[in-house]
Amino acid sequence: MSTTKLRLGPLPKTENLKLTFTCPASLKADLERYAALHSRTYGEEVDALTLIPHMLEAFMARDRVFKRTNKPALPAAPQTTDPR
């Protein structure tokens, strides 16, 4: 195992749902190259399809605008009535 660290670290075990998407051939080739590098770096065989959800999750976790707009709304302040 190499001491080089990739941005996407070892993969956690998760529950999965199946999605299908279309991408350019050049992106598919890059994903396959990244998967091969990830496999060599962490010593565990992984394919591009397994990496995609983790890459998307990492991308969204670092997107500041998405994180700001994705925060749950705070509960409304309790209304007080004026006893006058």
N, C-alpha and C. Protein backbone atom coordinates (compact mmCIF):
# COMPACT_ATOMS: atom_id res chain seq x y z
N MET A 1 0.85 -1.18 0.00
CA MET A 1 0.00 0.00 0.00
C MET A 1 0.89 1.24 0.00
N SER A 2 0.49 2.22 -0.78
CA SER A 2 1.24 3.46 -0.92
C SER A 2 0.93 4.41 0.24
N THR A 3 1.85 5.32 0.49
CA THR A 3 1.59 6.34 1.52
C THR A 3 0.86 7.53 0.93
N THR A 4 0.67 7.55 -0.39
CA THR A 4 -0.08 8.61 -1.04
C THR A 4 -1.54 8.50 -0.64
N LYS A 5 -2.17 9.64 -0.37
CA LYS A 5 -3.58 9.63 0.00
C LYS A 5 -4.38 10.30 -1.09
N LEU A 6 -5.47 9.68 -1.49
CA LEU A 6 -6.38 10.27 -2.45
C LEU A 6 -7.40 11.10 -1.72
N ARG A 7 -8.03 12.03 -2.42
CA ARG A 7 -9.08 12.84 -1.82
C ARG A 7 -10.21 11.94 -1.30
N LEU A 8 -10.52 10.89 -2.05
CA LEU A 8 -11.54 9.94 -1.63
C LEU A 8 -10.85 8.80 -0.89
N GLY A 9 -11.05 8.72 0.42
CA GLY A 9 -10.38 7.72 1.24
C GLY A 9 -11.03 6.35 1.13
N PRO A 10 -10.72 5.44 2.06
CA PRO A 10 -11.33 4.12 2.06
C PRO A 10 -12.85 4.25 2.13
N LEU A 11 -13.54 3.32 1.49
CA LEU A 11 -14.99 3.42 1.38
C LEU A 11 -15.70 2.79 2.57
N PRO A 12 -16.72 3.47 3.11
CA PRO A 12 -17.51 2.89 4.20
C PRO A 12 -18.53 1.90 3.62
N LYS A 13 -19.04 1.05 4.45
CA LYS A 13 -20.11 0.13 4.05
C LYS A 13 -21.43 0.88 4.20
N THR A 14 -22.26 0.83 3.15
CA THR A 14 -23.53 1.56 3.19
C THR A 14 -24.63 0.75 2.53
N GLU A 15 -25.87 1.16 2.76
CA GLU A 15 -27.02 0.60 2.06
C GLU A 15 -27.10 1.31 0.72
N ASN A 16 -27.36 0.58 -0.36
CA ASN A 16 -27.33 1.17 -1.68
C ASN A 16 -28.66 1.07 -2.41
N LEU A 17 -28.91 2.05 -3.27
CA LEU A 17 -30.02 2.05 -4.20
C LEU A 17 -29.42 2.17 -5.59
N LYS A 18 -30.07 1.57 -6.58
CA LYS A 18 -29.53 1.58 -7.93
C LYS A 18 -30.02 2.81 -8.71
N LEU A 19 -29.07 3.52 -9.35
CA LEU A 19 -29.35 4.64 -10.24
C LEU A 19 -28.65 4.35 -11.56
N THR A 20 -29.19 4.88 -12.62
CA THR A 20 -28.57 4.77 -13.93
C THR A 20 -28.37 6.17 -14.47
N PHE A 21 -27.20 6.46 -15.02
CA PHE A 21 -26.96 7.77 -15.62
C PHE A 21 -26.05 7.62 -16.82
N THR A 22 -26.04 8.64 -17.65
CA THR A 22 -25.22 8.66 -18.85
C THR A 22 -24.11 9.68 -18.65
N CYS A 23 -22.89 9.33 -19.08
CA CYS A 23 -21.78 10.26 -18.98
C CYS A 23 -20.92 10.14 -20.24
N PRO A 24 -20.10 11.14 -20.49
CA PRO A 24 -19.21 11.09 -21.65
C PRO A 24 -18.20 9.95 -21.50
N ALA A 25 -17.75 9.43 -22.63
CA ALA A 25 -16.76 8.34 -22.62
C ALA A 25 -15.49 8.76 -21.89
N SER A 26 -15.11 10.03 -22.03
CA SER A 26 -13.89 10.50 -21.36
C SER A 26 -14.04 10.46 -19.84
N LEU A 27 -15.24 10.78 -19.33
CA LEU A 27 -15.47 10.71 -17.88
C LEU A 27 -15.44 9.27 -17.41
N LYS A 28 -16.04 8.36 -18.18
CA LYS A 28 -16.02 6.94 -17.82
C LYS A 28 -14.58 6.43 -17.74
N ALA A 29 -13.75 6.83 -18.70
CA ALA A 29 -12.34 6.43 -18.68
C ALA A 29 -11.62 6.99 -17.46
N ASP A 30 -11.89 8.25 -17.13
CA ASP A 30 -11.28 8.85 -15.93
C ASP A 30 -11.74 8.14 -14.66
N LEU A 31 -13.02 7.81 -14.59
CA LEU A 31 -13.54 7.08 -13.42
C LEU A 31 -12.87 5.72 -13.28
N GLU A 32 -12.68 5.04 -14.39
CA GLU A 32 -12.02 3.73 -14.34
C GLU A 32 -10.56 3.86 -13.92
N ARG A 33 -9.87 4.90 -14.41
CA ARG A 33 -8.49 5.14 -13.98
C ARG A 33 -8.43 5.47 -12.50
N TYR A 34 -9.37 6.29 -12.02
CA TYR A 34 -9.41 6.63 -10.59
C TYR A 34 -9.67 5.38 -9.76
N ALA A 35 -10.58 4.53 -10.22
CA ALA A 35 -10.88 3.29 -9.49
C ALA A 35 -9.64 2.40 -9.40
N ALA A 36 -8.90 2.31 -10.49
CA ALA A 36 -7.67 1.49 -10.47
C ALA A 36 -6.66 2.07 -9.48
N LEU A 37 -6.50 3.39 -9.49
CA LEU A 37 -5.58 4.04 -8.55
C LEU A 37 -6.05 3.85 -7.11
N HIS A 38 -7.35 3.99 -6.88
CA HIS A 38 -7.92 3.80 -5.54
C HIS A 38 -7.66 2.37 -5.07
N SER A 39 -7.85 1.40 -5.96
CA SER A 39 -7.61 0.00 -5.61
C SER A 39 -6.15 -0.24 -5.23
N ARG A 40 -5.24 0.33 -6.00
CA ARG A 40 -3.81 0.16 -5.68
C ARG A 40 -3.46 0.87 -4.38
N THR A 41 -4.02 2.06 -4.16
CA THR A 41 -3.68 2.86 -2.99
C THR A 41 -4.15 2.20 -1.70
N TYR A 42 -5.37 1.66 -1.71
CA TYR A 42 -5.96 1.12 -0.48
C TYR A 42 -5.98 -0.41 -0.41
N GLY A 43 -5.46 -1.08 -1.45
CA GLY A 43 -5.32 -2.52 -1.42
C GLY A 43 -6.63 -3.29 -1.43
N GLU A 44 -7.69 -2.67 -1.88
CA GLU A 44 -9.00 -3.33 -1.96
C GLU A 44 -9.59 -3.02 -3.33
N GLU A 45 -9.89 -4.06 -4.09
CA GLU A 45 -10.42 -3.89 -5.44
C GLU A 45 -11.77 -3.16 -5.41
N VAL A 46 -11.88 -2.12 -6.21
CA VAL A 46 -13.11 -1.34 -6.28
C VAL A 46 -13.29 -0.89 -7.73
N ASP A 47 -14.53 -0.86 -8.19
CA ASP A 47 -14.78 -0.41 -9.56
C ASP A 47 -15.35 1.00 -9.55
N ALA A 48 -15.40 1.60 -10.73
CA ALA A 48 -15.87 2.99 -10.85
C ALA A 48 -17.30 3.14 -10.36
N LEU A 49 -18.15 2.18 -10.63
CA LEU A 49 -19.55 2.29 -10.19
C LEU A 49 -19.66 2.37 -8.68
N THR A 50 -18.78 1.72 -7.98
CA THR A 50 -18.80 1.77 -6.52
C THR A 50 -18.32 3.13 -6.02
N LEU A 51 -17.40 3.75 -6.74
CA LEU A 51 -16.84 5.03 -6.31
C LEU A 51 -17.78 6.21 -6.55
N ILE A 52 -18.59 6.16 -7.58
CA ILE A 52 -19.40 7.32 -7.98
C ILE A 52 -20.22 7.90 -6.83
N PRO A 53 -21.01 7.10 -6.09
CA PRO A 53 -21.80 7.70 -5.01
C PRO A 53 -20.94 8.37 -3.94
N HIS A 54 -19.79 7.80 -3.64
CA HIS A 54 -18.91 8.38 -2.63
C HIS A 54 -18.30 9.69 -3.14
N MET A 55 -17.98 9.74 -4.41
CA MET A 55 -17.45 10.97 -5.00
C MET A 55 -18.51 12.08 -4.98
N LEU A 56 -19.73 11.73 -5.34
CA LEU A 56 -20.81 12.72 -5.32
C LEU A 56 -21.09 13.22 -3.90
N GLU A 57 -21.09 12.30 -2.96
CA GLU A 57 -21.32 12.68 -1.56
C GLU A 57 -20.22 13.62 -1.07
N ALA A 58 -18.97 13.30 -1.39
CA ALA A 58 -17.85 14.15 -0.98
C ALA A 58 -17.94 15.51 -1.66
N PHE A 59 -18.32 15.54 -2.93
CA PHE A 59 -18.47 16.80 -3.64
C PHE A 59 -19.52 17.68 -2.98
N MET A 60 -20.68 17.12 -2.69
CA MET A 60 -21.77 17.91 -2.08
C MET A 60 -21.42 18.34 -0.66
N ALA A 61 -20.68 17.52 0.06
CA ALA A 61 -20.30 17.87 1.44
C ALA A 61 -19.37 19.08 1.46
N ARG A 62 -18.62 19.31 0.38
CA ARG A 62 -17.70 20.43 0.33
C ARG A 62 -18.29 21.66 -0.37
N ASP A 63 -19.50 21.56 -0.88
CA ASP A 63 -20.13 22.69 -1.58
C ASP A 63 -20.79 23.61 -0.56
N ARG A 64 -20.17 24.76 -0.32
CA ARG A 64 -20.64 25.67 0.73
C ARG A 64 -22.04 26.20 0.47
N VAL A 65 -22.34 26.55 -0.76
CA VAL A 65 -23.67 27.08 -1.08
C VAL A 65 -24.72 26.01 -0.86
N PHE A 66 -24.46 24.80 -1.28
CA PHE A 66 -25.40 23.70 -1.08
C PHE A 66 -25.63 23.47 0.41
N LYS A 67 -24.56 23.46 1.19
CA LYS A 67 -24.70 23.24 2.63
C LYS A 67 -25.53 24.34 3.28
N ARG A 68 -25.31 25.60 2.85
CA ARG A 68 -26.08 26.71 3.42
C ARG A 68 -27.56 26.60 3.07
N THR A 69 -27.87 26.25 1.85
CA THR A 69 -29.27 26.20 1.43
C THR A 69 -29.94 24.90 1.82
N ASN A 70 -29.19 23.94 2.26
CA ASN A 70 -29.75 22.63 2.60
C ASN A 70 -29.97 22.46 4.10
N LYS A 71 -29.73 23.51 4.88
CA LYS A 71 -29.95 23.42 6.32
C LYS A 71 -31.44 23.34 6.62
N PRO A 72 -31.83 22.51 7.59
CA PRO A 72 -33.25 22.48 7.96
C PRO A 72 -33.68 23.83 8.54
N ALA A 73 -34.90 24.20 8.26
CA ALA A 73 -35.42 25.47 8.76
C ALA A 73 -35.55 25.42 10.28
N LEU A 74 -35.25 26.53 10.91
CA LEU A 74 -35.41 26.62 12.36
C LEU A 74 -36.89 26.75 12.69
N PRO A 75 -37.33 26.19 13.82
CA PRO A 75 -38.74 26.34 14.19
C PRO A 75 -39.06 27.82 14.43
N ALA A 76 -40.29 28.19 14.13
CA ALA A 76 -40.71 29.58 14.32
C ALA A 76 -40.70 29.91 15.81
N ALA A 77 -40.38 31.17 16.11
CA ALA A 77 -40.38 31.62 17.51
C ALA A 77 -41.82 31.61 18.02
N PRO A 78 -42.03 31.25 19.28
CA PRO A 78 -43.39 31.23 19.82
C PRO A 78 -43.99 32.64 19.79
N GLN A 79 -45.24 32.72 19.46
CA GLN A 79 -45.94 34.01 19.39
C GLN A 79 -46.46 34.35 20.78
N THR A 80 -46.25 35.58 21.16
CA THR A 80 -46.79 36.04 22.45
C THR A 80 -47.90 37.05 22.17
N THR A 81 -48.88 37.01 22.99
CA THR A 81 -49.97 37.97 22.83
C THR A 81 -49.80 39.12 23.81
N ASP A 82 -50.12 40.28 23.37
CA ASP A 82 -49.98 41.49 24.19
C ASP A 82 -51.23 41.56 25.09
N PRO A 83 -51.10 41.49 26.43
CA PRO A 83 -52.27 41.45 27.32
C PRO A 83 -52.93 42.80 27.52
N ARG A 84 -52.67 43.80 26.75
CA ARG A 84 -53.28 45.12 26.92
C ARG A 84 -54.73 45.12 26.66
